[in-house]
PDB file of N, CA and C in Angstrom:
ATOM      1  N   MET A   1     158.688-101.026 101.307  1.00  0.00           N
ATOM      2  CA  MET A   1     157.795 -99.910 101.090  1.00  0.00           C
ATOM      3  C   MET A   1     157.943 -99.459  99.643  1.00  0.00           C
ATOM      4  N   THR A   2     156.852 -99.206  98.985  1.00  0.00           N
ATOM      5  CA  THR A   2     156.865 -98.774  97.599  1.00  0.00           C
ATOM      6  C   THR A   2     156.862 -97.256  97.511  1.00  0.00           C
ATOM      7  N   LEU A   3     157.094 -96.731  96.301  1.00  0.00           N
ATOM      8  CA  LEU A   3     157.049 -95.285  96.110  1.00  0.00           C
ATOM      9  C   LEU A   3     155.665 -94.717  96.406  1.00  0.00           C
ATOM     10  N   ALA A   4     154.639 -95.458  96.057  1.00  0.00           N
ATOM     11  CA  ALA A   4     153.282 -94.977  96.285  1.00  0.00           C
ATOM     12  C   ALA A   4     152.940 -94.947  97.767  1.00  0.00           C
ATOM     13  N   ALA A   5     153.554 -95.817  98.555  1.00  0.00           N
ATOM     14  CA  ALA A   5     153.242 -95.891  99.977  1.00  0.00           C
ATOM     15  C   ALA A   5     154.086 -94.937 100.809  1.00  0.00           C
ATOM     16  N   ASP A   6     155.134 -94.339 100.232  1.00  0.00           N
ATOM     17  CA  ASP A   6     156.003 -93.433 100.981  1.00  0.00           C
ATOM     18  C   ASP A   6     155.432 -92.019 100.940  1.00  0.00           C
ATOM     19  N   PRO A   7     154.929 -91.509 102.061  1.00  0.00           N
ATOM     20  CA  PRO A   7     154.316 -90.176 102.044  1.00  0.00           C
ATOM     21  C   PRO A   7     155.336 -89.046 101.980  1.00  0.00           C
ATOM     22  N   HIS A   8     156.610 -89.308 102.270  1.00  0.00           N
ATOM     23  CA  HIS A   8     157.633 -88.264 102.298  1.00  0.00           C
ATOM     24  C   HIS A   8     158.362 -88.111 100.961  1.00  0.00           C
ATOM     25  N   MET A   9     158.052 -88.964 100.011  1.00  0.00           N
ATOM     26  CA  MET A   9     158.719 -88.923  98.716  1.00  0.00           C
ATOM     27  C   MET A   9     158.158 -87.786  97.873  1.00  0.00           C
ATOM     28  N   ASN A  10     159.036 -86.939  97.351  1.00  0.00           N
ATOM     29  CA  ASN A  10     158.617 -85.839  96.500  1.00  0.00           C
ATOM     30  C   ASN A  10     158.650 -86.328  95.060  1.00  0.00           C
ATOM     31  N   LEU A  11     157.517 -86.665  94.512  1.00  0.00           N
ATOM     32  CA  LEU A  11     157.451 -87.234  93.174  1.00  0.00           C
ATOM     33  C   LEU A  11     157.510 -86.178  92.076  1.00  0.00           C
ATOM     34  N   SER A  12     157.325 -84.918  92.431  1.00  0.00           N
ATOM     35  CA  SER A  12     157.360 -83.879  91.404  1.00  0.00           C
ATOM     36  C   SER A  12     158.791 -83.495  91.030  1.00  0.00           C
ATOM     37  N   ALA A  13     159.773 -83.746  91.895  1.00  0.00           N
ATOM     38  CA  ALA A  13     161.169 -83.419  91.609  1.00  0.00           C
ATOM     39  C   ALA A  13     161.807 -84.564  90.831  1.00  0.00           C
ATOM     40  N   PRO A  14     162.594 -84.254  89.818  1.00  0.00           N
ATOM     41  CA  PRO A  14     163.264 -85.328  89.070  1.00  0.00           C
ATOM     42  C   PRO A  14     164.319 -86.019  89.926  1.00  0.00           C
ATOM     43  N   ALA A  15     164.584 -87.260  89.609  1.00  0.00           N
ATOM     44  CA  ALA A  15     165.558 -88.039  90.374  1.00  0.00           C
ATOM     45  C   ALA A  15     166.962 -87.477  90.224  1.00  0.00           C
ATOM     46  N   GLU A  16     167.270 -86.849  89.067  1.00  0.00           N
ATOM     47  CA  GLU A  16     168.606 -86.291  88.853  1.00  0.00           C
ATOM     48  C   GLU A  16     168.919 -85.149  89.808  1.00  0.00           C
ATOM     49  N   ALA A  17     167.905 -84.456  90.248  1.00  0.00           N
ATOM     50  CA  ALA A  17     168.129 -83.317  91.142  1.00  0.00           C
ATOM     51  C   ALA A  17     168.731 -83.774  92.453  1.00  0.00           C
ATOM     52  N   HIS A  18     168.414 -84.974  92.875  1.00  0.00           N
ATOM     53  CA  HIS A  18     168.957 -85.487  94.130  1.00  0.00           C
ATOM     54  C   HIS A  18     170.330 -86.121  93.921  1.00  0.00           C
ATOM     55  N   ALA A  19     170.582 -86.606  92.733  1.00  0.00           N
ATOM     56  CA  ALA A  19     171.844 -87.282  92.465  1.00  0.00           C
ATOM     57  C   ALA A  19     172.980 -86.297  92.206  1.00  0.00           C
ATOM     58  N   ARG A  20     172.674 -85.127  91.630  1.00  0.00           N
ATOM     59  CA  ARG A  20     173.696 -84.142  91.298  1.00  0.00           C
ATOM     60  C   ARG A  20     173.411 -82.825  92.008  1.00  0.00           C
ATOM     61  N   PRO A  21     174.040 -82.612  93.157  1.00  0.00           N
ATOM     62  CA  PRO A  21     173.776 -81.371  93.886  1.00  0.00           C
ATOM     63  C   PRO A  21     174.503 -80.155  93.317  1.00  0.00           C
ATOM     64  N   LEU A  22     175.395 -80.354  92.350  1.00  0.00           N
ATOM     65  CA  LEU A  22     176.167 -79.248  91.806  1.00  0.00           C
ATOM     66  C   LEU A  22     175.310 -78.383  90.906  1.00  0.00           C
ATOM     67  N   SER A  23     175.635 -77.107  90.864  1.00  0.00           N
ATOM     68  CA  SER A  23     174.918 -76.217  89.957  1.00  0.00           C
ATOM     69  C   SER A  23     175.901 -75.199  89.401  1.00  0.00           C
ATOM     70  N   GLY A  24     175.536 -74.586  88.303  1.00  0.00           N
ATOM     71  CA  GLY A  24     176.362 -73.538  87.715  1.00  0.00           C
ATOM     72  C   GLY A  24     177.584 -74.085  87.025  1.00  0.00           C
ATOM     73  N   LYS A  25     178.725 -73.411  87.249  1.00  0.00           N
ATOM     74  CA  LYS A  25     179.967 -73.745  86.548  1.00  0.00           C
ATOM     75  C   LYS A  25     180.495 -75.115  86.953  1.00  0.00           C
ATOM     76  N   ALA A  26     180.330 -75.492  88.213  1.00  0.00           N
ATOM     77  CA  ALA A  26     180.832 -76.788  88.667  1.00  0.00           C
ATOM     78  C   ALA A  26     180.120 -77.925  87.942  1.00  0.00           C
ATOM     79  N   ALA A  27     178.823 -77.798  87.738  1.00  0.00           N
ATOM     80  CA  ALA A  27     178.080 -78.846  87.051  1.00  0.00           C
ATOM     81  C   ALA A  27     178.488 -78.922  85.587  1.00  0.00           C
ATOM     82  N   SER A  28     178.681 -77.768  84.935  1.00  0.00           N
ATOM     83  CA  SER A  28     179.066 -77.795  83.532  1.00  0.00           C
ATOM     84  C   SER A  28     180.480 -78.348  83.362  1.00  0.00           C
ATOM     85  N   THR A  29     181.375 -78.015  84.280  1.00  0.00           N
ATOM     86  CA  THR A  29     182.734 -78.560  84.235  1.00  0.00           C
ATOM     87  C   THR A  29     182.701 -80.067  84.426  1.00  0.00           C
ATOM     88  N   ASP A  30     181.870 -80.526  85.338  1.00  0.00           N
ATOM     89  CA  ASP A  30     181.741 -81.952  85.578  1.00  0.00           C
ATOM     90  C   ASP A  30     181.218 -82.656  84.333  1.00  0.00           C
ATOM     91  N   ASN A  31     180.277 -82.042  83.640  1.00  0.00           N
ATOM     92  CA  ASN A  31     179.732 -82.641  82.426  1.00  0.00           C
ATOM     93  C   ASN A  31     180.772 -82.683  81.319  1.00  0.00           C
ATOM     94  N   VAL A  32     181.601 -81.656  81.206  1.00  0.00           N
ATOM     95  CA  VAL A  32     182.634 -81.623  80.172  1.00  0.00           C
ATOM     96  C   VAL A  32     183.671 -82.705  80.432  1.00  0.00           C
ATOM     97  N   VAL A  33     184.090 -82.836  81.668  1.00  0.00           N
ATOM     98  CA  VAL A  33     185.076 -83.865  82.013  1.00  0.00           C
ATOM     99  C   VAL A  33     184.502 -85.249  81.757  1.00  0.00           C
ATOM    100  N   GLU A  34     183.255 -85.442  82.129  1.00  0.00           N
ATOM    101  CA  GLU A  34     182.621 -86.735  81.909  1.00  0.00           C
ATOM    102  C   GLU A  34     182.506 -87.040  80.421  1.00  0.00           C
ATOM    103  N   MET A  35     182.181 -86.034  79.618  1.00  0.00           N
ATOM    104  CA  MET A  35     182.065 -86.227  78.175  1.00  0.00           C
ATOM    105  C   MET A  35     183.424 -86.595  77.562  1.00  0.00           C
ATOM    106  N   ILE A  36     184.488 -85.904  78.000  1.00  0.00           N
ATOM    107  CA  ILE A  36     185.824 -86.202  77.480  1.00  0.00           C
ATOM    108  C   ILE A  36     186.243 -87.608  77.875  1.00  0.00           C
ATOM    109  N   LEU A  37     185.962 -87.990  79.116  1.00  0.00           N
ATOM    110  CA  LEU A  37     186.341 -89.328  79.564  1.00  0.00           C
ATOM    111  C   LEU A  37     185.549 -90.416  78.838  1.00  0.00           C
ATOM    112  N   TRP A  38     184.379 -90.114  78.348  1.00  0.00           N
ATOM    113  CA  TRP A  38     183.626 -91.073  77.545  1.00  0.00           C
ATOM    114  C   TRP A  38     184.083 -91.073  76.101  1.00  0.00           C
ATOM    115  N   MET A  39     184.568 -89.928  75.604  1.00  0.00           N
ATOM    116  CA  MET A  39     184.989 -89.855  74.205  1.00  0.00           C
ATOM    117  C   MET A  39     186.290 -90.607  73.946  1.00  0.00           C
ATOM    118  N   VAL A  40     187.179 -90.650  74.938  1.00  0.00           N
ATOM    119  CA  VAL A  40     188.479 -91.308  74.745  1.00  0.00           C
ATOM    120  C   VAL A  40     188.302 -92.787  74.397  1.00  0.00           C
ATOM    121  N   PRO A  41     187.562 -93.585  75.179  1.00  0.00           N
ATOM    122  CA  PRO A  41     187.426 -94.993  74.776  1.00  0.00           C
ATOM    123  C   PRO A  41     186.623 -95.186  73.494  1.00  0.00           C
ATOM    124  N   VAL A  42     185.680 -94.288  73.221  1.00  0.00           N
ATOM    125  CA  VAL A  42     184.895 -94.409  71.986  1.00  0.00           C
ATOM    126  C   VAL A  42     185.792 -94.183  70.773  1.00  0.00           C
ATOM    127  N   VAL A  43     186.645 -93.160  70.827  1.00  0.00           N
ATOM    128  CA  VAL A  43     187.562 -92.892  69.714  1.00  0.00           C
ATOM    129  C   VAL A  43     188.574 -94.027  69.571  1.00  0.00           C
ATOM    130  N   LEU A  44     189.088 -94.523  70.685  1.00  0.00           N
ATOM    131  CA  LEU A  44     190.032 -95.645  70.613  1.00  0.00           C
ATOM    132  C   LEU A  44     189.372 -96.895  70.048  1.00  0.00           C
ATOM    133  N   LEU A  45     188.136 -97.148  70.432  1.00  0.00           N
ATOM    134  CA  LEU A  45     187.420 -98.297  69.877  1.00  0.00           C
ATOM    135  C   LEU A  45     187.219 -98.133  68.377  1.00  0.00           C
ATOM    136  N   GLY A  46     186.861 -96.919  67.963  1.00  0.00           N
ATOM    137  CA  GLY A  46     186.712 -96.663  66.534  1.00  0.00           C
ATOM    138  C   GLY A  46     188.012 -96.862  65.780  1.00  0.00           C
ATOM    139  N   LEU A  47     189.122 -96.422  66.383  1.00  0.00           N
ATOM    140  CA  LEU A  47     190.431 -96.594  65.744  1.00  0.00           C
ATOM    141  C   LEU A  47     190.797 -98.077  65.644  1.00  0.00           C
ATOM    142  N   VAL A  48     190.542 -98.828  66.696  1.00  0.00           N
ATOM    143  CA  VAL A  48     190.847-100.263  66.674  1.00  0.00           C
ATOM    144  C   VAL A  48     190.011-100.975  65.607  1.00  0.00           C
ATOM    145  N   LEU A  49     188.730-100.634  65.543  1.00  0.00           N
ATOM    146  CA  LEU A  49     187.885-101.268  64.525  1.00  0.00           C
ATOM    147  C   LEU A  49     188.301-100.855  63.110  1.00  0.00           C
ATOM    148  N   ALA A  50     188.725 -99.603  62.941  1.00  0.00           N
ATOM    149  CA  ALA A  50     189.185 -99.156  61.628  1.00  0.00           C
ATOM    150  C   ALA A  50     190.470 -99.873  61.226  1.00  0.00           C
ATOM    151  N   VAL A  51     191.400-100.035  62.177  1.00  0.00           N
ATOM    152  CA  VAL A  51     192.650-100.748  61.866  1.00  0.00           C
ATOM    153  C   VAL A  51     192.346-102.206  61.555  1.00  0.00           C
ATOM    154  N   LYS A  52     191.408-102.795  62.292  1.00  0.00           N
ATOM    155  CA  LYS A  52     191.043-104.185  62.015  1.00  0.00           C
ATOM    156  C   LYS A  52     190.427-104.328  60.623  1.00  0.00           C
ATOM    157  N   THR A  53     189.694-103.304  60.188  1.00  0.00           N
ATOM    158  CA  THR A  53     189.031-103.367  58.885  1.00  0.00           C
ATOM    159  C   THR A  53     189.963-102.980  57.745  1.00  0.00           C
ATOM    160  N   TRP A  54     190.654-101.823  57.873  1.00  0.00           N
ATOM    161  CA  TRP A  54     191.436-101.283  56.757  1.00  0.00           C
ATOM    162  C   TRP A  54     192.945-101.369  56.953  1.00  0.00           C
ATOM    163  N   GLY A  55     193.418-101.729  58.114  1.00  0.00           N
ATOM    164  CA  GLY A  55     194.847-101.899  58.346  1.00  0.00           C
ATOM    165  C   GLY A  55     195.582-100.582  58.536  1.00  0.00           C
ATOM    166  N   MET A  56     196.784-100.496  57.979  1.00  0.00           N
ATOM    167  CA  MET A  56     197.658 -99.336  58.177  1.00  0.00           C
ATOM    168  C   MET A  56     197.089 -98.053  57.569  1.00  0.00           C
ATOM    169  N   VAL A  57     196.214 -98.171  56.599  1.00  0.00           N
ATOM    170  CA  VAL A  57     195.607 -96.977  56.002  1.00  0.00           C
ATOM    171  C   VAL A  57     194.819 -96.209  57.054  1.00  0.00           C
ATOM    172  N   ALA A  58     194.148 -96.909  57.952  1.00  0.00           N
ATOM    173  CA  ALA A  58     193.386 -96.249  59.011  1.00  0.00           C
ATOM    174  C   ALA A  58     194.318 -95.493  59.961  1.00  0.00           C
ATOM    175  N   LEU A  59     195.470 -96.060  60.277  1.00  0.00           N
ATOM    176  CA  LEU A  59     196.435 -95.355  61.137  1.00  0.00           C
ATOM    177  C   LEU A  59     196.967 -94.110  60.442  1.00  0.00           C
ATOM    178  N   THR A  60     197.203 -94.210  59.148  1.00  0.00           N
ATOM    179  CA  THR A  60     197.677 -93.056  58.391  1.00  0.00           C
ATOM    180  C   THR A  60     196.634 -91.948  58.375  1.00  0.00           C
ATOM    181  N   MET A  61     195.390 -92.302  58.141  1.00  0.00           N
ATOM    182  CA  MET A  61     194.316 -91.298  58.108  1.00  0.00           C
ATOM    183  C   MET A  61     194.073 -90.689  59.482  1.00  0.00           C
ATOM    184  N   PHE A  62     194.338 -91.457  60.535  1.00  0.00           N
ATOM    185  CA  PHE A  62     194.197 -90.927  61.896  1.00  0.00           C
ATOM    186  C   PHE A  62     195.351 -89.981  62.228  1.00  0.00           C
ATOM    187  N   ALA A  63     196.564 -90.319  61.785  1.00  0.00           N
ATOM    188  CA  ALA A  63     197.744 -89.520  62.124  1.00  0.00           C
ATOM    189  C   ALA A  63     197.862 -88.258  61.274  1.00  0.00           C
ATOM    190  N   LEU A  64     197.294 -88.262  60.087  1.00  0.00           N
ATOM    191  CA  LEU A  64     197.432 -87.118  59.189  1.00  0.00           C
ATOM    192  C   LEU A  64     196.912 -85.808  59.784  1.00  0.00           C
ATOM    193  N   PRO A  65     195.721 -85.753  60.386  1.00  0.00           N
ATOM    194  CA  PRO A  65     195.286 -84.469  60.971  1.00  0.00           C
ATOM    195  C   PRO A  65     196.028 -84.094  62.249  1.00  0.00           C
ATOM    196  N   LEU A  66     196.746 -85.039  62.839  1.00  0.00           N
ATOM    197  CA  LEU A  66     197.494 -84.738  64.062  1.00  0.00           C
ATOM    198  C   LEU A  66     198.812 -84.012  63.790  1.00  0.00           C
ATOM    199  N   VAL A  67     199.276 -84.024  62.549  1.00  0.00           N
ATOM    200  CA  VAL A  67     200.552 -83.379  62.218  1.00  0.00           C
ATOM    201  C   VAL A  67     200.516 -81.876  62.506  1.00  0.00           C
ATOM    202  N   PRO A  68     199.525 -81.113  62.018  1.00  0.00           N
ATOM    203  CA  PRO A  68     199.522 -79.689  62.352  1.00  0.00           C
ATOM    204  C   PRO A  68     199.295 -79.429  63.838  1.00  0.00           C
ATOM    205  N   LEU A  69     198.516 -80.289  64.495  1.00  0.00           N
ATOM    206  CA  LEU A  69     198.306 -80.114  65.931  1.00  0.00           C
ATOM    207  C   LEU A  69     199.610 -80.266  66.702  1.00  0.00           C
ATOM    208  N   MET A  70     200.389 -81.269  66.337  1.00  0.00           N
ATOM    209  CA  MET A  70     201.677 -81.455  67.008  1.00  0.00           C
ATOM    210  C   MET A  70     202.639 -80.316  66.661  1.00  0.00           C
ATOM    211  N   PHE A  71     202.571 -79.810  65.456  1.00  0.00           N
ATOM    212  CA  PHE A  71     203.400 -78.678  65.049  1.00  0.00           C
ATOM    213  C   PHE A  71     203.121 -77.471  65.952  1.00  0.00           C
ATOM    214  N   PHE A  72     201.847 -77.133  66.127  1.00  0.00           N
ATOM    215  CA  PHE A  72     201.483 -76.003  66.986  1.00  0.00           C
ATOM    216  C   PHE A  72     201.776 -76.291  68.456  1.00  0.00           C
ATOM    217  N   PHE A  73     201.649 -77.553  68.872  1.00  0.00           N
ATOM    218  CA  PHE A  73     201.982 -77.919  70.246  1.00  0.00           C
ATOM    219  C   PHE A  73     203.466 -77.684  70.523  1.00  0.00           C
ATOM    220  N   TYR A  74     204.319 -78.103  69.615  1.00  0.00           N
ATOM    221  CA  TYR A  74     205.758 -77.907  69.811  1.00  0.00           C
ATOM    222  C   TYR A  74     206.144 -76.422  69.800  1.00  0.00           C
ATOM    223  N   ILE A  75     205.488 -75.650  68.965  1.00  0.00           N
ATOM    224  CA  ILE A  75     205.726 -74.198  68.985  1.00  0.00           C
ATOM    225  C   ILE A  75     205.274 -73.598  70.310  1.00  0.00           C
ATOM    226  N   ALA A  76     204.130 -74.027  70.813  1.00  0.00           N
ATOM    227  CA  ALA A  76     203.588 -73.478  72.055  1.00  0.00           C
ATOM    228  C   ALA A  76     204.478 -73.785  73.240  1.00  0.00           C
ATOM    229  N   ILE A  77     205.026 -74.998  73.323  1.00  0.00           N
ATOM    230  CA  ILE A  77     205.844 -75.326  74.492  1.00  0.00           C
ATOM    231  C   ILE A  77     207.266 -74.774  74.393  1.00  0.00           C
ATOM    232  N   SER A  78     207.694 -74.419  73.179  1.00  0.00           N
ATOM    233  CA  SER A  78     209.045 -73.875  73.060  1.00  0.00           C
ATOM    234  C   SER A  78     209.062 -72.348  72.988  1.00  0.00           C
ATOM    235  N   TRP A  79     207.895 -71.725  73.015  1.00  0.00           N
ATOM    236  CA  TRP A  79     207.822 -70.251  72.962  1.00  0.00           C
ATOM    237  C   TRP A  79     208.442 -69.664  74.222  1.00  0.00           C
ATOM    238  N   PRO A  80     209.320 -68.660  74.084  1.00  0.00           N
ATOM    239  CA  PRO A  80     209.993 -68.127  75.282  1.00  0.00           C
ATOM    240  C   PRO A  80     209.084 -67.348  76.198  1.00  0.00           C
TER     241      PRO A  80
END
């Protein structure tokens, strides 16, 4: 049976509405988690390609902005 032949199919509603029943905060949280889970392999792929192209300089440039982040992380976990 095709879409045109199905009389019960609601063609005015988008297909995403049926696939994602969540709304409000749950949907936005789901989108944030999904975005983060997609960003991790993209950043790792970029790092691998940068190391393949520029070598250790790419690792140095990647680690340099992480120094203050780790500094604040260590302060945060050791705060009484």
